[in-house]
């Protein structure tokens, strides 16, 4: 569960909605630290080969179905095979979160 500004966000709800987009191969939601809100909702996305989708378009689609506080503030795109998985094949969110935070910081610094 992600707690953002006093509200709870279930990552799986957002992930399932994101996976309805035909361009998305993988979608994983994590909470990233934020001084003002506690955590912000962030998405790690892998697109299907040959597909294009930008963060603004994805957020616009999600706003039609989700409350504003559930829409990812940050969307980070990764190459296929670049995300950390456990030995059992599940996404390793404790290892994914710092990768997302690092990419967000790099985007902000750029």
N, C-alpha and C. Protein backbone atom coordinates (compact mmCIF):
# COMPACT_ATOMS: atom_id res chain seq x y z
N UNK A 1 0.85 -1.18 0.00
CA UNK A 1 0.00 0.00 0.00
C UNK A 1 0.90 1.25 0.00
N UNK A 2 0.53 2.19 -0.82
CA UNK A 2 1.25 3.47 -0.89
C UNK A 2 0.39 4.50 -0.17
N UNK A 3 1.01 5.26 0.72
CA UNK A 3 0.30 6.32 1.43
C UNK A 3 0.78 7.65 0.89
N UNK A 4 -0.12 8.36 0.22
CA UNK A 4 0.23 9.65 -0.37
C UNK A 4 -0.74 10.71 0.10
N UNK A 5 -0.21 11.68 0.82
CA UNK A 5 -1.04 12.77 1.32
C UNK A 5 -2.20 12.29 2.17
N UNK A 6 -2.02 11.22 2.94
CA UNK A 6 -3.07 10.70 3.80
C UNK A 6 -4.02 9.72 3.12
N UNK A 7 -3.87 9.51 1.84
CA UNK A 7 -4.74 8.57 1.11
C UNK A 7 -3.96 7.30 0.78
N UNK A 8 -4.66 6.19 0.73
CA UNK A 8 -4.05 4.91 0.40
C UNK A 8 -4.27 4.58 -1.08
N UNK A 9 -3.21 4.08 -1.71
CA UNK A 9 -3.27 3.66 -3.10
C UNK A 9 -2.83 2.20 -3.17
N UNK A 10 -3.68 1.37 -3.74
CA UNK A 10 -3.33 -0.03 -3.96
C UNK A 10 -2.58 -0.13 -5.29
N UNK A 11 -1.30 -0.47 -5.27
CA UNK A 11 -0.53 -0.53 -6.52
C UNK A 11 -1.17 -1.42 -7.57
N UNK A 12 -1.71 -2.55 -7.17
CA UNK A 12 -2.25 -3.50 -8.16
C UNK A 12 -3.41 -2.90 -8.95
N UNK A 13 -4.23 -2.07 -8.33
CA UNK A 13 -5.35 -1.43 -9.04
C UNK A 13 -4.82 -0.58 -10.19
N UNK A 14 -3.79 0.20 -9.93
CA UNK A 14 -3.22 1.08 -10.96
C UNK A 14 -2.51 0.24 -12.02
N UNK A 15 -1.77 -0.79 -11.59
CA UNK A 15 -1.06 -1.65 -12.54
C UNK A 15 -2.02 -2.33 -13.51
N UNK A 16 -3.11 -2.87 -13.00
CA UNK A 16 -4.07 -3.55 -13.87
C UNK A 16 -4.67 -2.61 -14.90
N UNK A 17 -4.98 -1.39 -14.50
CA UNK A 17 -5.52 -0.41 -15.43
C UNK A 17 -4.47 -0.04 -16.49
N UNK A 18 -3.23 0.12 -16.07
CA UNK A 18 -2.17 0.45 -17.02
C UNK A 18 -1.97 -0.67 -18.05
N UNK A 19 -2.09 -1.90 -17.60
CA UNK A 19 -1.88 -3.04 -18.50
C UNK A 19 -2.98 -3.16 -19.55
N UNK A 20 -4.07 -2.42 -19.41
CA UNK A 20 -5.11 -2.38 -20.44
C UNK A 20 -4.65 -1.59 -21.66
N UNK A 21 -3.62 -0.75 -21.50
CA UNK A 21 -3.09 0.00 -22.64
C UNK A 21 -2.36 -0.96 -23.57
N UNK A 22 -2.70 -0.95 -24.85
CA UNK A 22 -2.11 -1.93 -25.77
C UNK A 22 -0.60 -1.79 -25.95
N UNK A 23 -0.05 -0.63 -25.61
CA UNK A 23 1.38 -0.41 -25.81
C UNK A 23 2.23 -0.98 -24.66
N UNK A 24 1.61 -1.27 -23.52
CA UNK A 24 2.36 -1.61 -22.31
C UNK A 24 2.53 -3.12 -22.15
N UNK A 25 3.78 -3.53 -21.98
CA UNK A 25 4.11 -4.92 -21.72
C UNK A 25 4.12 -5.20 -20.22
N UNK A 26 4.76 -4.31 -19.46
CA UNK A 26 4.85 -4.45 -18.01
C UNK A 26 4.56 -3.10 -17.36
N UNK A 27 3.90 -3.14 -16.20
CA UNK A 27 3.62 -1.93 -15.44
C UNK A 27 3.72 -2.27 -13.96
N UNK A 28 4.53 -1.50 -13.25
CA UNK A 28 4.74 -1.74 -11.82
C UNK A 28 4.66 -0.40 -11.10
N UNK A 29 3.88 -0.36 -10.03
CA UNK A 29 3.68 0.86 -9.25
C UNK A 29 4.44 0.75 -7.94
N UNK A 30 5.18 1.80 -7.60
CA UNK A 30 5.90 1.88 -6.33
C UNK A 30 5.66 3.26 -5.72
N UNK A 31 5.89 3.34 -4.42
CA UNK A 31 5.84 4.62 -3.73
C UNK A 31 7.25 5.16 -3.61
N UNK A 32 7.43 6.43 -3.98
CA UNK A 32 8.74 7.07 -3.84
C UNK A 32 8.62 8.17 -2.79
N UNK A 33 9.68 8.36 -1.99
CA UNK A 33 9.61 9.33 -0.90
C UNK A 33 9.33 10.75 -1.40
N UNK A 34 8.53 11.47 -0.61
CA UNK A 34 8.22 12.87 -0.89
C UNK A 34 8.05 13.58 0.44
N UNK A 35 8.75 14.68 0.62
CA UNK A 35 8.70 15.40 1.89
C UNK A 35 7.30 15.90 2.22
N UNK A 36 6.59 16.41 1.25
CA UNK A 36 5.28 17.02 1.51
C UNK A 36 4.16 15.98 1.67
N UNK A 37 4.18 14.93 0.86
CA UNK A 37 3.06 13.99 0.84
C UNK A 37 3.37 12.63 1.44
N UNK A 38 4.60 12.43 1.91
CA UNK A 38 4.99 11.13 2.44
C UNK A 38 5.54 10.24 1.33
N UNK A 39 4.68 9.90 0.40
CA UNK A 39 5.08 9.14 -0.79
C UNK A 39 4.32 9.69 -1.99
N UNK A 40 4.92 9.49 -3.15
CA UNK A 40 4.25 9.78 -4.42
C UNK A 40 4.12 8.47 -5.18
N UNK A 41 3.08 8.37 -5.97
CA UNK A 41 2.87 7.19 -6.81
C UNK A 41 3.77 7.32 -8.04
N UNK A 42 4.55 6.28 -8.29
CA UNK A 42 5.45 6.28 -9.45
C UNK A 42 5.25 4.97 -10.22
N UNK A 43 5.41 5.05 -11.53
CA UNK A 43 5.21 3.88 -12.38
C UNK A 43 6.51 3.54 -13.11
N UNK A 44 6.83 2.26 -13.11
CA UNK A 44 7.91 1.72 -13.94
C UNK A 44 7.23 0.98 -15.08
N UNK A 45 7.50 1.40 -16.30
CA UNK A 45 6.78 0.89 -17.46
C UNK A 45 7.76 0.32 -18.49
N UNK A 46 7.38 -0.84 -19.04
CA UNK A 46 8.10 -1.42 -20.18
C UNK A 46 7.10 -1.47 -21.33
N UNK A 47 7.46 -0.85 -22.44
CA UNK A 47 6.58 -0.86 -23.61
C UNK A 47 6.84 -2.10 -24.46
N UNK A 48 5.82 -2.50 -25.19
CA UNK A 48 5.98 -3.59 -26.16
C UNK A 48 6.89 -3.10 -27.28
N UNK A 49 7.60 -4.01 -27.89
CA UNK A 49 8.51 -3.64 -28.98
C UNK A 49 7.77 -2.89 -30.08
N UNK A 50 8.39 -1.80 -30.52
CA UNK A 50 7.83 -1.02 -31.61
C UNK A 50 6.72 -0.08 -31.20
N UNK A 51 6.38 -0.05 -29.92
CA UNK A 51 5.28 0.80 -29.45
C UNK A 51 5.83 2.09 -28.85
N UNK A 52 5.04 3.13 -28.93
CA UNK A 52 5.39 4.40 -28.34
C UNK A 52 4.27 4.91 -27.46
N UNK A 53 4.62 5.50 -26.36
CA UNK A 53 3.66 6.09 -25.43
C UNK A 53 4.45 7.01 -24.52
N UNK A 54 3.99 8.24 -24.36
CA UNK A 54 4.71 9.11 -23.44
C UNK A 54 3.96 9.22 -22.11
N UNK A 55 4.65 9.74 -21.12
CA UNK A 55 4.11 9.80 -19.76
C UNK A 55 2.83 10.64 -19.69
N UNK A 56 2.79 11.75 -20.40
CA UNK A 56 1.60 12.61 -20.35
C UNK A 56 0.37 11.91 -20.91
N UNK A 57 0.53 11.19 -22.01
CA UNK A 57 -0.60 10.45 -22.61
C UNK A 57 -1.07 9.36 -21.66
N UNK A 58 -0.14 8.65 -21.05
CA UNK A 58 -0.52 7.59 -20.11
C UNK A 58 -1.29 8.18 -18.92
N UNK A 59 -0.79 9.27 -18.36
CA UNK A 59 -1.49 9.90 -17.22
C UNK A 59 -2.87 10.39 -17.63
N UNK A 60 -2.99 10.93 -18.83
CA UNK A 60 -4.30 11.40 -19.31
C UNK A 60 -5.29 10.24 -19.38
N UNK A 61 -4.85 9.09 -19.86
CA UNK A 61 -5.73 7.91 -19.91
C UNK A 61 -6.14 7.48 -18.51
N UNK A 62 -5.18 7.46 -17.60
CA UNK A 62 -5.46 7.00 -16.24
C UNK A 62 -6.40 7.94 -15.49
N UNK A 63 -6.29 9.25 -15.77
CA UNK A 63 -7.16 10.23 -15.10
C UNK A 63 -8.65 9.99 -15.40
N UNK A 64 -8.93 9.37 -16.54
CA UNK A 64 -10.32 9.07 -16.90
C UNK A 64 -10.93 8.00 -16.01
N UNK A 65 -10.07 7.16 -15.41
CA UNK A 65 -10.55 6.01 -14.63
C UNK A 65 -10.21 6.06 -13.14
N UNK A 66 -9.21 6.86 -12.77
CA UNK A 66 -8.72 6.86 -11.40
C UNK A 66 -8.88 8.21 -10.73
N UNK A 67 -8.96 8.19 -9.42
CA UNK A 67 -8.90 9.43 -8.65
C UNK A 67 -7.53 10.06 -8.87
N UNK A 68 -7.46 11.37 -8.80
CA UNK A 68 -6.23 12.10 -9.11
C UNK A 68 -5.05 11.63 -8.27
N UNK A 69 -5.27 11.32 -7.00
CA UNK A 69 -4.15 10.93 -6.14
C UNK A 69 -3.59 9.55 -6.50
N UNK A 70 -4.30 8.77 -7.30
CA UNK A 70 -3.83 7.45 -7.72
C UNK A 70 -3.03 7.49 -9.02
N UNK A 71 -3.13 8.56 -9.76
CA UNK A 71 -2.42 8.69 -11.04
C UNK A 71 -0.93 8.92 -10.75
N UNK A 72 -0.04 8.14 -11.35
CA UNK A 72 1.40 8.29 -11.07
C UNK A 72 1.90 9.70 -11.37
N UNK A 73 2.56 10.28 -10.39
CA UNK A 73 3.20 11.59 -10.59
C UNK A 73 4.42 11.44 -11.49
N UNK A 74 5.06 10.27 -11.38
CA UNK A 74 6.25 10.00 -12.17
C UNK A 74 6.04 8.72 -12.96
N UNK A 75 6.43 8.75 -14.22
CA UNK A 75 6.40 7.57 -15.08
C UNK A 75 7.80 7.40 -15.65
N UNK A 76 8.40 6.25 -15.36
CA UNK A 76 9.76 5.97 -15.81
C UNK A 76 9.70 4.77 -16.75
N UNK A 77 10.27 4.93 -17.94
CA UNK A 77 10.26 3.86 -18.92
C UNK A 77 11.58 3.08 -18.85
N UNK A 78 11.45 1.76 -18.91
CA UNK A 78 12.60 0.86 -18.86
C UNK A 78 12.58 -0.03 -20.09
N UNK A 79 13.75 -0.50 -20.47
CA UNK A 79 13.86 -1.47 -21.56
C UNK A 79 13.40 -2.84 -21.08
N UNK A 80 12.93 -3.65 -22.00
CA UNK A 80 12.53 -5.00 -21.65
C UNK A 80 13.73 -5.74 -21.05
N UNK A 81 13.50 -6.43 -19.95
CA UNK A 81 14.56 -7.18 -19.28
C UNK A 81 15.39 -6.36 -18.30
N UNK A 82 15.10 -5.07 -18.15
CA UNK A 82 15.90 -4.20 -17.28
C UNK A 82 15.40 -4.14 -15.84
N UNK A 83 14.23 -4.67 -15.58
CA UNK A 83 13.67 -4.59 -14.23
C UNK A 83 14.12 -5.77 -13.38
N UNK A 84 14.24 -5.54 -12.07
CA UNK A 84 14.69 -6.63 -11.18
C UNK A 84 13.55 -7.58 -10.82
N UNK A 85 13.81 -8.86 -10.94
CA UNK A 85 12.83 -9.88 -10.57
C UNK A 85 13.46 -10.83 -9.55
N UNK A 86 12.61 -11.45 -8.76
CA UNK A 86 13.07 -12.44 -7.80
C UNK A 86 13.34 -13.76 -8.53
N UNK A 87 13.89 -14.71 -7.82
CA UNK A 87 14.14 -16.03 -8.41
C UNK A 87 12.86 -16.74 -8.81
N UNK A 88 11.74 -16.34 -8.19
CA UNK A 88 10.46 -16.97 -8.52
C UNK A 88 9.73 -16.25 -9.64
N UNK A 89 10.36 -15.22 -10.21
CA UNK A 89 9.78 -14.53 -11.36
C UNK A 89 8.87 -13.37 -11.04
N UNK A 90 8.81 -12.96 -9.77
CA UNK A 90 7.98 -11.80 -9.41
C UNK A 90 8.85 -10.55 -9.39
N UNK A 91 8.23 -9.41 -9.65
CA UNK A 91 8.97 -8.15 -9.61
C UNK A 91 9.50 -7.94 -8.20
N UNK A 92 10.74 -7.50 -8.11
CA UNK A 92 11.39 -7.25 -6.83
C UNK A 92 11.24 -5.76 -6.51
N UNK A 93 10.13 -5.39 -5.89
CA UNK A 93 9.85 -3.98 -5.64
C UNK A 93 10.85 -3.31 -4.70
N UNK A 94 11.38 -4.02 -3.69
CA UNK A 94 12.43 -3.36 -2.89
C UNK A 94 13.66 -2.97 -3.70
N UNK A 95 13.98 -3.71 -4.72
CA UNK A 95 15.10 -3.35 -5.61
C UNK A 95 14.65 -2.38 -6.70
N UNK A 96 13.39 -2.43 -7.09
CA UNK A 96 12.88 -1.55 -8.14
C UNK A 96 12.77 -0.11 -7.66
N UNK A 97 12.31 0.10 -6.45
CA UNK A 97 12.08 1.46 -5.95
C UNK A 97 13.31 2.35 -6.07
N UNK A 98 14.51 1.92 -5.61
CA UNK A 98 15.67 2.81 -5.77
C UNK A 98 16.02 3.09 -7.23
N UNK A 99 15.77 2.14 -8.12
CA UNK A 99 16.01 2.39 -9.55
C UNK A 99 15.10 3.49 -10.07
N UNK A 100 13.85 3.45 -9.65
CA UNK A 100 12.88 4.47 -10.07
C UNK A 100 13.28 5.83 -9.48
N UNK A 101 13.63 5.85 -8.21
CA UNK A 101 14.04 7.11 -7.55
C UNK A 101 15.25 7.70 -8.27
N UNK A 102 16.21 6.86 -8.61
CA UNK A 102 17.41 7.31 -9.32
C UNK A 102 17.07 7.93 -10.67
N UNK A 103 16.20 7.28 -11.41
CA UNK A 103 15.80 7.80 -12.74
C UNK A 103 15.03 9.10 -12.61
N UNK A 104 14.17 9.21 -11.59
CA UNK A 104 13.42 10.46 -11.36
C UNK A 104 14.40 11.59 -11.06
N UNK A 105 15.36 11.33 -10.19
CA UNK A 105 16.34 12.36 -9.82
C UNK A 105 17.14 12.81 -11.05
N UNK A 106 17.49 11.86 -11.91
CA UNK A 106 18.24 12.19 -13.13
C UNK A 106 17.40 13.06 -14.06
N UNK A 107 16.10 12.75 -14.18
CA UNK A 107 15.21 13.54 -15.04
C UNK A 107 15.05 14.96 -14.49
N UNK A 108 14.93 15.07 -13.17
CA UNK A 108 14.76 16.39 -12.55
C UNK A 108 16.03 17.22 -12.73
N UNK A 109 17.20 16.57 -12.61
CA UNK A 109 18.48 17.28 -12.74
C UNK A 109 18.75 17.71 -14.17
N UNK A 110 18.16 17.03 -15.14
CA UNK A 110 18.44 17.33 -16.55
C UNK A 110 17.78 18.61 -17.02
